[in-house]
Amino acid sequence: MLLDPPRAGAAAQCAELAQSKVPRLVYASCDPGSFARDARALQEAGYRLEKLKPIDQFLWAGHVELIALFVK
């Protein structure tokens, strides 16, 4: 599954995923704070953070994109 939420993150979606049997999840985030919150919820639900890659997609801005792979 691919999850690419807005800056506010995906708290509601992560709560649903916690109850699911989705084995692999790729999470694309544009906000490290909401990503950290959602990653904690996913880890508490049994997902393991396998890979995390920061991407400086917008060289003229201070924003960093995060791409993460979670496996249950």
PDB file of N, CA and C in Angstrom:
ATOM      1  N   MET A   1       0.842  -1.163   0.000  1.00  0.00           N
ATOM      2  CA  MET A   1       0.000   0.000   0.000  1.00  0.00           C
ATOM      3  C   MET A   1       0.894   1.235   0.000  1.00  0.00           C
ATOM      4  N   LEU A   2       0.456   2.267  -0.674  1.00  0.00           N
ATOM      5  CA  LEU A   2       1.158   3.550  -0.701  1.00  0.00           C
ATOM      6  C   LEU A   2       0.316   4.570   0.046  1.00  0.00           C
ATOM      7  N   LEU A   3       0.945   5.263   0.976  1.00  0.00           N
ATOM      8  CA  LEU A   3       0.276   6.290   1.756  1.00  0.00           C
ATOM      9  C   LEU A   3       1.050   7.587   1.552  1.00  0.00           C
ATOM     10  N   ASP A   4       0.369   8.624   1.044  1.00  0.00           N
ATOM     11  CA  ASP A   4       0.994   9.911   0.770  1.00  0.00           C
ATOM     12  C   ASP A   4       0.067  11.020   1.287  1.00  0.00           C
ATOM     13  N   PRO A   5       0.069  11.219   2.609  1.00  0.00           N
ATOM     14  CA  PRO A   5      -0.870  12.176   3.200  1.00  0.00           C
ATOM     15  C   PRO A   5      -0.412  13.631   3.059  1.00  0.00           C
ATOM     16  N   PRO A   6      -1.300  14.572   3.376  1.00  0.00           N
ATOM     17  CA  PRO A   6      -0.910  15.980   3.424  1.00  0.00           C
ATOM     18  C   PRO A   6      -0.005  16.221   4.645  1.00  0.00           C
ATOM     19  N   ARG A   7       0.446  17.448   4.823  1.00  0.00           N
ATOM     20  CA  ARG A   7       1.378  17.781   5.923  1.00  0.00           C
ATOM     21  C   ARG A   7       0.853  17.363   7.292  1.00  0.00           C
ATOM     22  N   ALA A   8      -0.435  17.365   7.485  1.00  0.00           N
ATOM     23  CA  ALA A   8      -1.016  17.010   8.793  1.00  0.00           C
ATOM     24  C   ALA A   8      -0.842  15.532   9.115  1.00  0.00           C
ATOM     25  N   GLY A   9      -0.471  14.727   8.135  1.00  0.00           N
ATOM     26  CA  GLY A   9      -0.232  13.310   8.380  1.00  0.00           C
ATOM     27  C   GLY A   9      -1.454  12.453   8.136  1.00  0.00           C
ATOM     28  N   ALA A  10      -1.394  11.240   8.680  1.00  0.00           N
ATOM     29  CA  ALA A  10      -2.430  10.245   8.394  1.00  0.00           C
ATOM     30  C   ALA A  10      -2.829   9.488   9.663  1.00  0.00           C
ATOM     31  N   ALA A  11      -3.152  10.219  10.718  1.00  0.00           N
ATOM     32  CA  ALA A  11      -3.481   9.577  11.992  1.00  0.00           C
ATOM     33  C   ALA A  11      -4.671   8.629  11.846  1.00  0.00           C
ATOM     34  N   ALA A  12      -5.721   9.057  11.187  1.00  0.00           N
ATOM     35  CA  ALA A  12      -6.912   8.203  11.031  1.00  0.00           C
ATOM     36  C   ALA A  12      -6.600   6.978  10.180  1.00  0.00           C
ATOM     37  N   GLN A  13      -5.837   7.172   9.116  1.00  0.00           N
ATOM     38  CA  GLN A  13      -5.485   6.049   8.243  1.00  0.00           C
ATOM     39  C   GLN A  13      -4.580   5.058   8.976  1.00  0.00           C
ATOM     40  N   CYS A  14      -3.665   5.548   9.793  1.00  0.00           N
ATOM     41  CA  CYS A  14      -2.775   4.662  10.549  1.00  0.00           C
ATOM     42  C   CYS A  14      -3.560   3.855  11.576  1.00  0.00           C
ATOM     43  N   ALA A  15      -4.587   4.448  12.155  1.00  0.00           N
ATOM     44  CA  ALA A  15      -5.434   3.706  13.091  1.00  0.00           C
ATOM     45  C   ALA A  15      -6.146   2.571  12.365  1.00  0.00           C
ATOM     46  N   GLU A  16      -6.599   2.813  11.151  1.00  0.00           N
ATOM     47  CA  GLU A  16      -7.237   1.760  10.356  1.00  0.00           C
ATOM     48  C   GLU A  16      -6.217   0.698   9.946  1.00  0.00           C
ATOM     49  N   LEU A  17      -5.033   1.130   9.547  1.00  0.00           N
ATOM     50  CA  LEU A  17      -3.993   0.180   9.145  1.00  0.00           C
ATOM     51  C   LEU A  17      -3.561  -0.701  10.315  1.00  0.00           C
ATOM     52  N   ALA A  18      -3.630  -0.176  11.520  1.00  0.00           N
ATOM     53  CA  ALA A  18      -3.262  -0.955  12.700  1.00  0.00           C
ATOM     54  C   ALA A  18      -4.137  -2.195  12.831  1.00  0.00           C
ATOM     55  N   GLN A  19      -5.366  -2.112  12.345  1.00  0.00           N
ATOM     56  CA  GLN A  19      -6.314  -3.226  12.420  1.00  0.00           C
ATOM     57  C   GLN A  19      -6.281  -4.101  11.175  1.00  0.00           C
ATOM     58  N   SER A  20      -5.502  -3.715  10.191  1.00  0.00           N
ATOM     59  CA  SER A  20      -5.511  -4.412   8.904  1.00  0.00           C
ATOM     60  C   SER A  20      -4.466  -5.517   8.845  1.00  0.00           C
ATOM     61  N   LYS A  21      -4.494  -6.229   7.730  1.00  0.00           N
ATOM     62  CA  LYS A  21      -3.494  -7.264   7.458  1.00  0.00           C
ATOM     63  C   LYS A  21      -2.586  -6.858   6.304  1.00  0.00           C
ATOM     64  N   VAL A  22      -2.509  -5.569   6.046  1.00  0.00           N
ATOM     65  CA  VAL A  22      -1.634  -5.064   4.978  1.00  0.00           C
ATOM     66  C   VAL A  22      -0.190  -5.371   5.373  1.00  0.00           C
ATOM     67  N   PRO A  23       0.530  -6.176   4.564  1.00  0.00           N
ATOM     68  CA  PRO A  23       1.869  -6.606   4.976  1.00  0.00           C
ATOM     69  C   PRO A  23       2.983  -5.581   4.755  1.00  0.00           C
ATOM     70  N   ARG A  24       2.839  -4.736   3.728  1.00  0.00           N
ATOM     71  CA  ARG A  24       3.890  -3.762   3.402  1.00  0.00           C
ATOM     72  C   ARG A  24       3.244  -2.412   3.120  1.00  0.00           C
ATOM     73  N   LEU A  25       3.895  -1.375   3.609  1.00  0.00           N
ATOM     74  CA  LEU A  25       3.363  -0.031   3.475  1.00  0.00           C
ATOM     75  C   LEU A  25       4.506   0.909   3.119  1.00  0.00           C
ATOM     76  N   VAL A  26       4.343   1.656   2.045  1.00  0.00           N
ATOM     77  CA  VAL A  26       5.283   2.716   1.687  1.00  0.00           C
ATOM     78  C   VAL A  26       4.616   4.029   2.063  1.00  0.00           C
ATOM     79  N   TYR A  27       5.300   4.799   2.891  1.00  0.00           N
ATOM     80  CA  TYR A  27       4.756   6.051   3.410  1.00  0.00           C
ATOM     81  C   TYR A  27       5.615   7.193   2.874  1.00  0.00           C
ATOM     82  N   ALA A  28       5.012   8.111   2.137  1.00  0.00           N
ATOM     83  CA  ALA A  28       5.690   9.312   1.645  1.00  0.00           C
ATOM     84  C   ALA A  28       5.211  10.491   2.479  1.00  0.00           C
ATOM     85  N   SER A  29       6.139  11.204   3.071  1.00  0.00           N
ATOM     86  CA  SER A  29       5.759  12.286   3.982  1.00  0.00           C
ATOM     87  C   SER A  29       6.486  13.571   3.636  1.00  0.00           C
ATOM     88  N   CYS A  30       5.788  14.683   3.788  1.00  0.00           N
ATOM     89  CA  CYS A  30       6.406  15.989   3.576  1.00  0.00           C
ATOM     90  C   CYS A  30       6.582  16.742   4.897  1.00  0.00           C
ATOM     91  N   ASP A  31       6.296  16.061   6.026  1.00  0.00           N
ATOM     92  CA  ASP A  31       6.444  16.705   7.330  1.00  0.00           C
ATOM     93  C   ASP A  31       7.030  15.711   8.340  1.00  0.00           C
ATOM     94  N   PRO A  32       8.272  15.916   8.768  1.00  0.00           N
ATOM     95  CA  PRO A  32       8.897  14.974   9.697  1.00  0.00           C
ATOM     96  C   PRO A  32       8.127  14.804  11.019  1.00  0.00           C
ATOM     97  N   GLY A  33       7.481  15.856  11.495  1.00  0.00           N
ATOM     98  CA  GLY A  33       6.741  15.772  12.755  1.00  0.00           C
ATOM     99  C   GLY A  33       5.546  14.849  12.677  1.00  0.00           C
ATOM    100  N   SER A  34       4.715  15.026  11.662  1.00  0.00           N
ATOM    101  CA  SER A  34       3.548  14.153  11.528  1.00  0.00           C
ATOM    102  C   SER A  34       3.984  12.740  11.139  1.00  0.00           C
ATOM    103  N   PHE A  35       5.094  12.622  10.393  1.00  0.00           N
ATOM    104  CA  PHE A  35       5.612  11.301  10.074  1.00  0.00           C
ATOM    105  C   PHE A  35       6.020  10.564  11.345  1.00  0.00           C
ATOM    106  N   ALA A  36       6.717  11.240  12.252  1.00  0.00           N
ATOM    107  CA  ALA A  36       7.165  10.603  13.501  1.00  0.00           C
ATOM    108  C   ALA A  36       5.961  10.116  14.310  1.00  0.00           C
ATOM    109  N   ARG A  37       4.920  10.922  14.391  1.00  0.00           N
ATOM    110  CA  ARG A  37       3.707  10.524  15.107  1.00  0.00           C
ATOM    111  C   ARG A  37       3.079   9.284  14.471  1.00  0.00           C
ATOM    112  N   ASP A  38       2.938   9.307  13.155  1.00  0.00           N
ATOM    113  CA  ASP A  38       2.313   8.191  12.450  1.00  0.00           C
ATOM    114  C   ASP A  38       3.193   6.941  12.491  1.00  0.00           C
ATOM    115  N   ALA A  39       4.513   7.125  12.390  1.00  0.00           N
ATOM    116  CA  ALA A  39       5.423   5.980  12.448  1.00  0.00           C
ATOM    117  C   ALA A  39       5.339   5.300  13.803  1.00  0.00           C
ATOM    118  N   ARG A  40       5.213   6.072  14.854  1.00  0.00           N
ATOM    119  CA  ARG A  40       5.067   5.486  16.186  1.00  0.00           C
ATOM    120  C   ARG A  40       3.796   4.646  16.259  1.00  0.00           C
ATOM    121  N   ALA A  41       2.695   5.170  15.739  1.00  0.00           N
ATOM    122  CA  ALA A  41       1.427   4.432  15.754  1.00  0.00           C
ATOM    123  C   ALA A  41       1.547   3.139  14.951  1.00  0.00           C
ATOM    124  N   LEU A  42       2.209   3.203  13.813  1.00  0.00           N
ATOM    125  CA  LEU A  42       2.381   1.999  13.000  1.00  0.00           C
ATOM    126  C   LEU A  42       3.261   0.972  13.707  1.00  0.00           C
ATOM    127  N   GLN A  43       4.321   1.436  14.343  1.00  0.00           N
ATOM    128  CA  GLN A  43       5.200   0.519  15.066  1.00  0.00           C
ATOM    129  C   GLN A  43       4.482  -0.120  16.246  1.00  0.00           C
ATOM    130  N   GLU A  44       3.675   0.627  16.939  1.00  0.00           N
ATOM    131  CA  GLU A  44       2.900   0.077  18.050  1.00  0.00           C
ATOM    132  C   GLU A  44       1.882  -0.953  17.567  1.00  0.00           C
ATOM    133  N   ALA A  45       1.507  -0.863  16.290  1.00  0.00           N
ATOM    134  CA  ALA A  45       0.548  -1.802  15.702  1.00  0.00           C
ATOM    135  C   ALA A  45       1.238  -3.021  15.094  1.00  0.00           C
ATOM    136  N   GLY A  46       2.564  -3.104  15.230  1.00  0.00           N
ATOM    137  CA  GLY A  46       3.264  -4.277  14.746  1.00  0.00           C
ATOM    138  C   GLY A  46       4.052  -4.092  13.466  1.00  0.00           C
ATOM    139  N   TYR A  47       4.058  -2.889  12.919  1.00  0.00           N
ATOM    140  CA  TYR A  47       4.868  -2.631  11.731  1.00  0.00           C
ATOM    141  C   TYR A  47       6.303  -2.337  12.149  1.00  0.00           C
ATOM    142  N   ARG A  48       7.249  -2.753  11.313  1.00  0.00           N
ATOM    143  CA  ARG A  48       8.660  -2.499  11.540  1.00  0.00           C
ATOM    144  C   ARG A  48       9.142  -1.549  10.445  1.00  0.00           C
ATOM    145  N   LEU A  49       9.840  -0.514  10.852  1.00  0.00           N
ATOM    146  CA  LEU A  49      10.409   0.425   9.882  1.00  0.00           C
ATOM    147  C   LEU A  49      11.639  -0.234   9.262  1.00  0.00           C
ATOM    148  N   GLU A  50      11.519  -0.627   7.996  1.00  0.00           N
ATOM    149  CA  GLU A  50      12.606  -1.332   7.300  1.00  0.00           C
ATOM    150  C   GLU A  50      13.597  -0.369   6.666  1.00  0.00           C
ATOM    151  N   LYS A  51      13.079   0.661   6.003  1.00  0.00           N
ATOM    152  CA  LYS A  51      13.942   1.614   5.296  1.00  0.00           C
ATOM    153  C   LYS A  51      13.359   3.009   5.443  1.00  0.00           C
ATOM    154  N   LEU A  52      14.251   3.982   5.473  1.00  0.00           N
ATOM    155  CA  LEU A  52      13.842   5.381   5.528  1.00  0.00           C
ATOM    156  C   LEU A  52      14.833   6.186   4.702  1.00  0.00           C
ATOM    157  N   LYS A  53      14.313   6.973   3.761  1.00  0.00           N
ATOM    158  CA  LYS A  53      15.188   7.759   2.889  1.00  0.00           C
ATOM    159  C   LYS A  53      14.680   9.198   2.838  1.00  0.00           C
ATOM    160  N   PRO A  54      15.506  10.145   3.282  1.00  0.00           N
ATOM    161  CA  PRO A  54      15.141  11.558   3.111  1.00  0.00           C
ATOM    162  C   PRO A  54      15.480  11.989   1.678  1.00  0.00           C
ATOM    163  N   ILE A  55      14.623  12.798   1.115  1.00  0.00           N
ATOM    164  CA  ILE A  55      14.833  13.283  -0.248  1.00  0.00           C
ATOM    165  C   ILE A  55      14.696  14.799  -0.254  1.00  0.00           C
ATOM    166  N   ASP A  56      15.742  15.479  -0.690  1.00  0.00           N
ATOM    167  CA  ASP A  56      15.713  16.933  -0.813  1.00  0.00           C
ATOM    168  C   ASP A  56      15.195  17.257  -2.202  1.00  0.00           C
ATOM    169  N   GLN A  57      13.887  17.140  -2.351  1.00  0.00           N
ATOM    170  CA  GLN A  57      13.248  17.276  -3.663  1.00  0.00           C
ATOM    171  C   GLN A  57      13.196  18.717  -4.142  1.00  0.00           C
ATOM    172  N   PHE A  58      13.072  19.642  -3.217  1.00  0.00           N
ATOM    173  CA  PHE A  58      12.942  21.054  -3.580  1.00  0.00           C
ATOM    174  C   PHE A  58      14.175  21.794  -3.089  1.00  0.00           C
ATOM    175  N   LEU A  59      15.171  21.904  -3.937  1.00  0.00           N
ATOM    176  CA  LEU A  59      16.461  22.462  -3.547  1.00  0.00           C
ATOM    177  C   LEU A  59      16.372  23.899  -3.050  1.00  0.00           C
ATOM    178  N   TRP A  60      15.377  24.645  -3.473  1.00  0.00           N
ATOM    179  CA  TRP A  60      15.249  26.046  -3.104  1.00  0.00           C
ATOM    180  C   TRP A  60      14.464  26.240  -1.804  1.00  0.00           C
ATOM    181  N   ALA A  61      13.985  25.142  -1.208  1.00  0.00           N
ATOM    182  CA  ALA A  61      13.196  25.235   0.024  1.00  0.00           C
ATOM    183  C   ALA A  61      13.842  24.391   1.118  1.00  0.00           C
ATOM    184  N   GLY A  62      13.461  24.647   2.350  1.00  0.00           N
ATOM    185  CA  GLY A  62      13.989  23.904   3.483  1.00  0.00           C
ATOM    186  C   GLY A  62      13.238  22.626   3.775  1.00  0.00           C
ATOM    187  N   HIS A  63      12.332  22.225   2.900  1.00  0.00           N
ATOM    188  CA  HIS A  63      11.508  21.040   3.128  1.00  0.00           C
ATOM    189  C   HIS A  63      12.242  19.770   2.687  1.00  0.00           C
ATOM    190  N   VAL A  64      12.010  18.707   3.441  1.00  0.00           N
ATOM    191  CA  VAL A  64      12.575  17.403   3.117  1.00  0.00           C
ATOM    192  C   VAL A  64      11.440  16.409   3.030  1.00  0.00           C
ATOM    193  N   GLU A  65      11.429  15.635   1.979  1.00  0.00           N
ATOM    194  CA  GLU A  65      10.457  14.542   1.833  1.00  0.00           C
ATOM    195  C   GLU A  65      11.051  13.289   2.477  1.00  0.00           C
ATOM    196  N   LEU A  66      10.221  12.467   3.073  1.00  0.00           N
ATOM    197  CA  LEU A  66      10.648  11.191   3.648  1.00  0.00           C
ATOM    198  C   LEU A  66       9.903  10.077   2.948  1.00  0.00           C
ATOM    199  N   ILE A  67      10.630   9.037   2.562  1.00  0.00           N
ATOM    200  CA  ILE A  67      10.014   7.842   2.000  1.00  0.00           C
ATOM    201  C   ILE A  67      10.403   6.695   2.920  1.00  0.00           C
ATOM    202  N   ALA A  68       9.404   5.982   3.424  1.00  0.00           N
ATOM    203  CA  ALA A  68       9.662   4.911   4.389  1.00  0.00           C
ATOM    204  C   ALA A  68       8.957   3.634   3.956  1.00  0.00           C
ATOM    205  N   LEU A  69       9.585   2.512   4.294  1.00  0.00           N
ATOM    206  CA  LEU A  69       8.982   1.200   4.070  1.00  0.00           C
ATOM    207  C   LEU A  69       8.722   0.569   5.433  1.00  0.00           C
ATOM    208  N   PHE A  70       7.470   0.234   5.689  1.00  0.00           N
ATOM    209  CA  PHE A  70       7.061  -0.472   6.902  1.00  0.00           C
ATOM    210  C   PHE A  70       6.623  -1.873   6.520  1.00  0.00           C
ATOM    211  N   VAL A  71       7.018  -2.857   7.314  1.00  0.00           N
ATOM    212  CA  VAL A  71       6.650  -4.255   7.069  1.00  0.00           C
ATOM    213  C   VAL A  71       6.031  -4.812   8.343  1.00  0.00           C
ATOM    214  N   LYS A  72       4.924  -5.544   8.174  1.00  0.00           N
ATOM    215  CA  LYS A  72       4.230  -6.127   9.332  1.00  0.00           C
ATOM    216  C   LYS A  72       4.563  -7.590   9.428  1.00  0.00           C
TER     217      LYS A  72
END
